[in-house]
Amino acid sequence: MEKVEEKMVFSRNEEFQATLQPNYDKHSELKAFDDTKAGVKGFVDAGNSTEVPRIFVHPRESIHNSSGFTEKEFVFPVIDLEGIDHPMRHKEIVDKVRDASETWGFFQVVNHGIPLPVLEEMLQGAQRFFEQDVEIKKQYYTRDTAKRVAHVSNFDLFSPSVPAASWRDSLYCFMCPNPPSPEEFPIACREILIEFSKNMMKLGCSLFELLSEGLGLNPCHLKDMNCAEGLSIAQHYYPACPQPELTIGTRQHSDCVFITVLLQDDIGGLQVRHQNQWIDVPPTPGALVMNIGDLLQLISNDKYVSVEHRVLSNKVGPRISVPCFPLQGFMDQLRNCYQNVIRQSIVQPQ
């Protein structure tokens, strides 16, 4: 059944690309773009700032259908973690985390303990990396997913199931356990990456405790499953787009992890699917966005929900975001998850 669906997706993508221009050789154009090792940023810097290339043009229906809703109709959850150690306040926070995780799969946290200067420097460090000389960035450009430090534009660039490339460049860094030596990280963001990861590991542990309690479990339950043992940090750079109606920053997807914690700048563009509508996630100064991943939905027997989300492209830019994934490595998590499910689900179905 899955192979049939994959063939249908591939066929639809071929038909869509064929409508762009007869004899369009998508693979050759993708390879020519990738061979530059300069990403979308390099393409724009080369003076190509008036039109979006065909390899980035998505089907209209995957870009439009924006929410059109006001904050009065849908209020995105914001949870204040201040006073988390006070018993009464702690229970209130757990209840809010549980409710947001069950209904939205997304929420923002404020007063989370990570100093604002650290957040600001992390965004600036990411911007420094992407805006430095392209020859320096090329040293890190790779399609090898096993690399612990990897600069790339679209890891799924050549996937037949993907209709078009996303208007985004990325830097992926595996931080713990067993991180690369400091010298392996780009100098433009080296120090802040290390500092930011220490803060994020601490926050990740706190979030897993709240999520465990929201499931009626011991606070250490998810941590004892090694959900927070490791950490990977991505840095995404979305250049200003001349035709945002034609392409997208990140296509719709859900995250194949336990949780994701996101630092974003003030430009916006992140949307989540809620009640079958695309809802904007408003940038909030000093806040971090947290969302449930597929694996946490799995081991919670769908009590917590992993929802689709996307990032729209924008004429304003660049947009910078830093998603963090507390994990041990995807395959380790997946194996542990299924072993857990086979032995006994941690939450019994209602």
Protein backbone atom coordinates (compact mmCIF):
# COMPACT_ATOMS: atom_id res chain seq x y z
CA MET A 1 0.00 0.00 0.00
CA GLU A 2 2.81 2.41 0.90
CA LYS A 3 4.60 1.69 -2.40
CA VAL A 4 1.41 2.44 -4.33
CA GLU A 5 1.01 5.76 -2.48
CA GLU A 6 4.68 6.65 -3.14
CA LYS A 7 4.18 5.96 -6.86
CA MET A 8 1.06 8.17 -6.88
CA VAL A 9 2.97 11.01 -5.18
CA PHE A 10 5.87 10.61 -7.62
CA SER A 11 3.44 10.61 -10.57
CA ARG A 12 1.69 13.77 -9.34
CA ASN A 13 5.05 15.49 -8.88
CA GLU A 14 6.16 14.52 -12.39
CA GLU A 15 2.90 15.87 -13.84
CA PHE A 16 3.27 19.11 -11.90
CA GLN A 17 6.86 19.67 -13.00
CA ALA A 18 5.91 18.92 -16.61
CA THR A 19 3.44 21.80 -16.54
CA LEU A 20 6.21 24.26 -15.73
CA GLN A 21 7.96 23.90 -19.07
CA PRO A 22 8.21 21.19 -21.74
CA ASN A 23 11.40 19.11 -21.64
CA TYR A 24 12.19 20.40 -18.15
CA ASP A 25 15.14 18.37 -16.82
CA LYS A 26 14.58 18.73 -13.09
CA HIS A 27 17.43 16.47 -12.01
CA SER A 28 20.03 18.34 -14.06
CA GLU A 29 18.93 21.68 -12.65
CA LEU A 30 18.93 20.31 -9.10
CA LYS A 31 22.45 18.97 -9.59
CA ALA A 32 23.68 22.24 -11.07
CA PHE A 33 22.27 24.07 -8.04
CA ASP A 34 23.74 21.58 -5.57
CA ASP A 35 27.15 21.56 -7.23
CA THR A 36 27.60 25.24 -6.40
CA LYS A 37 27.60 24.31 -2.68
CA ALA A 38 26.38 27.86 -2.13
CA GLY A 39 22.73 27.13 -1.38
CA VAL A 40 19.83 29.53 -1.83
CA LYS A 41 21.88 32.31 -0.25
CA GLY A 42 24.55 31.88 -2.92
CA PHE A 43 21.94 31.89 -5.67
CA VAL A 44 20.54 35.20 -4.43
CA ASP A 45 24.00 36.71 -3.92
CA ALA A 46 24.86 35.87 -7.53
CA GLY A 47 22.31 38.45 -8.64
CA ASN A 48 19.37 36.08 -9.16
CA SER A 49 16.97 38.06 -7.03
CA THR A 50 13.97 38.71 -9.28
CA GLU A 51 12.60 35.24 -10.09
CA VAL A 52 12.30 31.90 -8.33
CA PRO A 53 13.91 29.05 -10.35
CA ARG A 54 11.71 26.16 -11.45
CA ILE A 55 13.31 23.76 -8.98
CA PHE A 56 11.76 25.81 -6.15
CA VAL A 57 8.26 26.20 -7.62
CA HIS A 58 5.67 24.26 -5.58
CA PRO A 59 2.08 23.32 -6.44
CA ARG A 60 -0.18 26.24 -5.65
CA GLU A 61 -2.30 24.29 -3.16
CA SER A 62 0.72 23.49 -0.97
CA ILE A 63 1.55 27.18 -0.47
CA HIS A 64 -1.77 28.95 -0.28
CA ASN A 65 -4.66 28.22 2.07
CA SER A 66 -3.08 30.45 4.71
CA SER A 67 -5.07 30.77 7.89
CA GLY A 68 -6.87 34.07 7.49
CA PHE A 69 -7.81 33.79 11.14
CA THR A 70 -7.24 36.43 13.79
CA GLU A 71 -5.77 35.89 17.22
CA LYS A 72 -9.28 36.37 18.65
CA GLU A 73 -10.44 33.24 16.84
CA PHE A 74 -7.41 31.06 17.62
CA VAL A 75 -5.07 32.01 20.46
CA PHE A 76 -1.80 30.12 20.18
CA PRO A 77 -0.86 28.66 23.62
CA VAL A 78 1.81 30.54 25.57
CA ILE A 79 2.94 28.92 28.86
CA ASP A 80 4.80 30.91 31.51
CA LEU A 81 7.26 28.67 33.38
CA GLU A 82 7.93 31.21 36.12
CA GLY A 83 7.38 29.71 39.58
CA ILE A 84 7.69 26.16 38.30
CA ASP A 85 9.21 25.02 41.63
CA HIS A 86 6.21 26.20 43.67
CA PRO A 87 3.79 23.22 44.15
CA MET A 88 0.56 25.03 43.23
CA ARG A 89 2.13 26.85 40.30
CA HIS A 90 3.82 23.64 39.16
CA LYS A 91 0.48 21.82 38.90
CA GLU A 92 -0.97 24.69 36.90
CA ILE A 93 1.95 24.55 34.45
CA VAL A 94 1.64 20.76 34.07
CA ASP A 95 -2.07 21.14 33.29
CA LYS A 96 -1.36 23.78 30.64
CA VAL A 97 1.40 21.69 29.05
CA ARG A 98 -0.88 18.64 28.95
CA ASP A 99 -3.77 20.60 27.44
CA ALA A 100 -1.61 22.22 24.75
CA SER A 101 0.08 18.90 23.93
CA GLU A 102 -3.27 17.15 23.56
CA THR A 103 -5.07 19.83 21.55
CA TRP A 104 -2.43 21.76 19.60
CA GLY A 105 0.74 19.65 19.76
CA PHE A 106 2.48 23.05 19.93
CA PHE A 107 2.99 25.80 22.49
CA GLN A 108 5.39 28.62 23.35
CA VAL A 109 7.23 28.84 26.65
CA VAL A 110 8.39 32.07 28.31
CA ASN A 111 10.49 32.54 31.46
CA HIS A 112 12.15 29.27 30.54
CA GLY A 113 15.49 30.07 32.15
CA ILE A 114 17.65 30.66 29.06
CA PRO A 115 18.96 34.25 29.21
CA LEU A 116 17.81 36.57 26.43
CA PRO A 117 21.43 37.48 25.47
CA VAL A 118 22.10 33.77 24.83
CA LEU A 119 19.06 33.52 22.54
CA GLU A 120 20.01 36.69 20.68
CA GLU A 121 23.62 35.60 20.23
CA MET A 122 22.48 32.20 18.92
CA LEU A 123 20.43 33.90 16.21
CA GLN A 124 23.31 36.24 15.41
CA GLY A 125 25.77 33.34 15.30
CA ALA A 126 23.56 31.52 12.81
CA GLN A 127 23.32 34.62 10.65
CA ARG A 128 27.11 35.09 10.79
CA PHE A 129 27.64 31.57 9.49
CA PHE A 130 25.34 31.91 6.49
CA GLU A 131 26.48 35.41 5.59
CA GLN A 132 30.21 34.73 5.65
CA ASP A 133 32.32 34.10 2.54
CA VAL A 134 30.89 31.24 0.50
CA GLU A 135 34.29 29.53 0.22
CA ILE A 136 34.37 29.11 3.99
CA LYS A 137 30.85 27.65 4.05
CA LYS A 138 31.70 25.20 1.27
CA GLN A 139 34.03 23.40 3.67
CA TYR A 140 30.97 22.22 5.59
CA TYR A 141 28.64 21.53 2.65
CA THR A 142 27.73 17.85 2.39
CA ARG A 143 24.89 15.41 1.70
CA ASP A 144 26.36 12.85 4.09
CA THR A 145 23.72 12.55 6.83
CA ALA A 146 26.26 10.81 9.06
CA LYS A 147 28.35 13.99 9.37
CA ARG A 148 28.08 15.59 12.80
CA VAL A 149 28.47 19.07 11.33
CA ALA A 150 26.76 19.53 7.97
CA HIS A 151 25.83 22.57 5.88
CA VAL A 152 23.29 21.77 3.16
CA SER A 153 20.39 23.18 1.21
CA ASN A 154 17.53 20.64 1.41
CA PHE A 155 18.66 17.19 2.56
CA ASP A 156 15.76 15.79 0.47
CA LEU A 157 16.71 17.80 -2.62
CA PHE A 158 16.81 14.76 -4.93
CA SER A 159 13.91 12.83 -3.40
CA PRO A 160 11.28 11.89 -6.04
CA SER A 161 8.52 12.30 -3.44
CA VAL A 162 9.35 16.00 -2.98
CA PRO A 163 7.68 18.26 -5.58
CA ALA A 164 10.25 21.05 -5.34
CA ALA A 165 13.08 22.39 -3.22
CA SER A 166 12.44 24.62 -0.22
CA TRP A 167 13.73 28.21 -0.08
CA ARG A 168 16.10 27.48 2.81
CA ASP A 169 19.71 26.69 3.73
CA SER A 170 20.66 24.77 6.87
CA LEU A 171 23.51 23.92 9.21
CA TYR A 172 23.09 20.76 11.31
CA CYS A 173 25.23 20.12 14.39
CA PHE A 174 25.21 17.05 16.60
CA MET A 175 25.93 18.33 20.10
CA CYS A 176 25.59 15.44 22.59
CA PRO A 177 26.43 12.89 23.67
CA ASN A 178 29.96 12.57 22.27
CA PRO A 179 30.01 15.88 20.39
CA PRO A 180 32.60 16.81 17.77
CA SER A 181 35.66 18.63 19.02
CA PRO A 182 35.09 22.40 19.30
CA GLU A 183 37.39 22.93 16.31
CA GLU A 184 34.94 21.05 14.08
CA PHE A 185 32.19 23.64 14.62
CA PRO A 186 32.25 26.72 12.36
CA ILE A 187 34.08 29.55 14.07
CA ALA A 188 31.22 31.96 13.24
CA CYS A 189 28.93 30.22 15.74
CA ARG A 190 31.24 27.91 17.68
CA GLU A 191 31.16 29.46 21.13
CA ILE A 192 27.45 30.21 21.19
CA LEU A 193 26.56 26.74 19.92
CA ILE A 194 28.33 25.19 22.90
CA GLU A 195 26.78 27.64 25.37
CA PHE A 196 23.31 27.38 23.83
CA SER A 197 23.39 23.57 23.87
CA LYS A 198 24.16 23.50 27.61
CA ASN A 199 21.14 25.69 28.29
CA MET A 200 18.95 23.68 25.93
CA MET A 201 19.85 20.35 27.55
CA LYS A 202 18.73 21.72 30.91
CA LEU A 203 15.48 23.07 29.49
CA GLY A 204 14.85 19.82 27.63
CA CYS A 205 15.01 17.88 30.88
CA SER A 206 12.49 20.23 32.48
CA LEU A 207 10.11 19.88 29.54
CA PHE A 208 10.30 16.09 29.62
CA GLU A 209 9.45 16.19 33.32
CA LEU A 210 6.38 18.32 32.65
CA LEU A 211 5.33 16.08 29.76
CA SER A 212 5.75 12.97 31.92
CA GLU A 213 3.62 14.44 34.68
CA GLY A 214 1.02 15.47 32.11
CA LEU A 215 0.68 11.76 31.27
CA GLY A 216 0.18 10.93 34.95
CA LEU A 217 3.65 9.46 35.26
CA ASN A 218 6.70 9.95 37.44
CA PRO A 219 8.53 13.16 36.39
CA CYS A 220 11.62 11.12 35.46
CA HIS A 221 9.76 8.63 33.28
CA LEU A 222 10.65 10.04 29.84
CA LYS A 223 14.16 10.97 30.95
CA ASP A 224 14.69 7.41 32.20
CA MET A 225 13.82 6.26 28.67
CA ASN A 226 16.83 8.34 27.52
CA CYS A 227 14.62 10.77 25.61
CA ALA A 228 16.85 13.66 26.72
CA GLU A 229 20.21 11.94 26.47
CA GLY A 230 21.37 13.75 23.35
CA LEU A 231 20.87 16.92 21.37
CA SER A 232 21.07 18.03 17.76
CA ILE A 233 20.79 21.67 16.76
CA ALA A 234 19.87 22.95 13.30
CA GLN A 235 20.25 26.50 12.07
CA HIS A 236 17.96 27.53 9.19
CA TYR A 237 18.44 30.55 6.94
CA TYR A 238 15.51 31.70 4.79
CA PRO A 239 16.67 34.42 2.35
CA ALA A 240 14.20 37.10 1.26
CA CYS A 241 12.18 35.61 -1.60
CA PRO A 242 11.22 37.61 -4.70
CA GLN A 243 8.13 35.47 -5.39
CA PRO A 244 6.91 33.94 -2.13
CA GLU A 245 3.64 32.96 -3.79
CA LEU A 246 5.56 30.35 -5.83
CA THR A 247 7.68 28.59 -3.24
CA ILE A 248 7.86 27.71 0.44
CA GLY A 249 10.44 27.95 3.20
CA THR A 250 9.76 24.51 4.66
CA ARG A 251 7.07 22.23 3.26
CA GLN A 252 4.45 20.76 5.56
CA HIS A 253 5.66 17.91 7.76
CA SER A 254 5.63 16.51 11.28
CA ASP A 255 8.82 15.87 13.26
CA CYS A 256 10.08 12.27 13.58
CA VAL A 257 11.48 12.87 17.09
CA PHE A 258 10.20 13.08 20.66
CA ILE A 259 10.02 16.88 20.88
CA THR A 260 11.39 19.91 19.08
CA VAL A 261 12.28 23.19 20.77
CA LEU A 262 12.55 26.14 18.36
CA LEU A 263 14.16 29.54 18.63
CA GLN A 264 12.89 31.89 15.92
CA ASP A 265 13.48 35.54 15.08
CA ASP A 266 10.80 38.21 14.75
CA ILE A 267 9.99 37.81 11.05
CA GLY A 268 7.45 35.00 11.37
CA GLY A 269 6.25 32.51 8.78
CA LEU A 270 5.85 29.37 10.92
CA GLN A 271 2.36 27.88 10.69
CA VAL A 272 0.77 24.85 12.37
CA ARG A 273 -2.25 22.86 11.24
CA HIS A 274 -4.99 23.21 13.84
CA GLN A 275 -8.60 22.19 13.31
CA ASN A 276 -7.76 21.68 9.64
CA GLN A 277 -6.57 25.28 9.24
CA TRP A 278 -3.09 26.79 8.94
CA ILE A 279 -2.55 29.00 11.99
CA ASP A 280 0.34 31.48 12.34
CA VAL A 281 2.73 31.00 15.26
CA PRO A 282 3.33 34.61 16.33
CA PRO A 283 6.96 35.48 17.13
CA THR A 284 7.18 36.35 20.83
CA PRO A 285 10.34 38.07 22.14
CA GLY A 286 12.28 35.75 24.42
CA ALA A 287 9.94 32.80 23.82
CA LEU A 288 10.74 29.32 22.58
CA VAL A 289 8.32 27.22 20.54
CA MET A 290 7.90 23.60 21.61
CA ASN A 291 6.14 20.87 19.64
CA ILE A 292 5.35 17.19 20.08
CA GLY A 293 7.10 14.79 17.69
CA ASP A 294 5.87 11.55 16.12
CA LEU A 295 7.67 9.34 18.63
CA LEU A 296 6.11 11.01 21.65
CA GLN A 297 2.67 10.67 20.07
CA LEU A 298 3.46 7.00 19.54
CA ILE A 299 4.51 6.17 23.09
CA SER A 300 1.70 8.24 24.60
CA ASN A 301 -0.89 6.22 22.65
CA ASP A 302 -1.94 9.37 20.77
CA LYS A 303 -2.65 11.27 23.98
CA TYR A 304 -0.16 13.90 22.82
CA VAL A 305 -0.41 14.89 19.16
CA SER A 306 2.30 15.47 16.58
CA VAL A 307 0.89 17.93 14.06
CA GLU A 308 1.97 19.12 10.65
CA HIS A 309 3.63 22.49 10.34
CA ARG A 310 5.36 24.53 7.64
CA VAL A 311 7.25 27.78 7.05
CA LEU A 312 6.08 30.24 4.42
CA SER A 313 8.60 32.13 2.32
CA ASN A 314 8.63 35.91 2.62
CA LYS A 315 9.76 38.97 0.69
CA VAL A 316 11.26 40.15 3.98
CA GLY A 317 14.42 38.45 5.16
CA PRO A 318 16.52 36.76 6.03
CA ARG A 319 14.50 34.76 8.54
CA ILE A 320 16.61 32.82 11.06
CA SER A 321 15.41 29.89 13.14
CA VAL A 322 17.18 27.37 15.38
CA PRO A 323 15.29 24.11 16.02
CA CYS A 324 16.70 21.79 18.69
CA PHE A 325 16.03 18.08 18.92
CA PRO A 326 16.72 16.39 22.28
CA LEU A 327 17.58 12.87 21.16
CA GLN A 328 20.04 10.01 21.09
CA GLY A 329 19.97 9.64 17.35
CA PHE A 330 16.83 8.77 15.40
CA MET A 331 17.39 5.02 15.03
CA ASP A 332 18.15 4.61 18.74
CA GLN A 333 14.96 6.47 19.59
CA LEU A 334 12.89 4.48 17.12
CA ARG A 335 14.22 1.16 18.37
CA ASN A 336 13.63 2.10 21.99
CA CYS A 337 10.14 3.38 21.19
CA TYR A 338 9.02 0.20 19.51
CA GLN A 339 10.57 -1.94 22.24
CA ASN A 340 8.58 0.11 24.74
CA VAL A 341 5.36 -0.29 22.79
CA ILE A 342 5.87 -4.04 22.43
CA ARG A 343 6.52 -4.47 26.16
CA GLN A 344 3.78 -2.19 27.43
CA SER A 345 2.51 1.21 26.42
CA ILE A 346 3.23 3.83 29.04
CA VAL A 347 -0.34 5.15 28.87
CA GLN A 348 -3.21 2.69 28.60
CA PRO A 349 -5.83 3.50 25.94
CA GLN A 350 -9.02 5.03 27.31
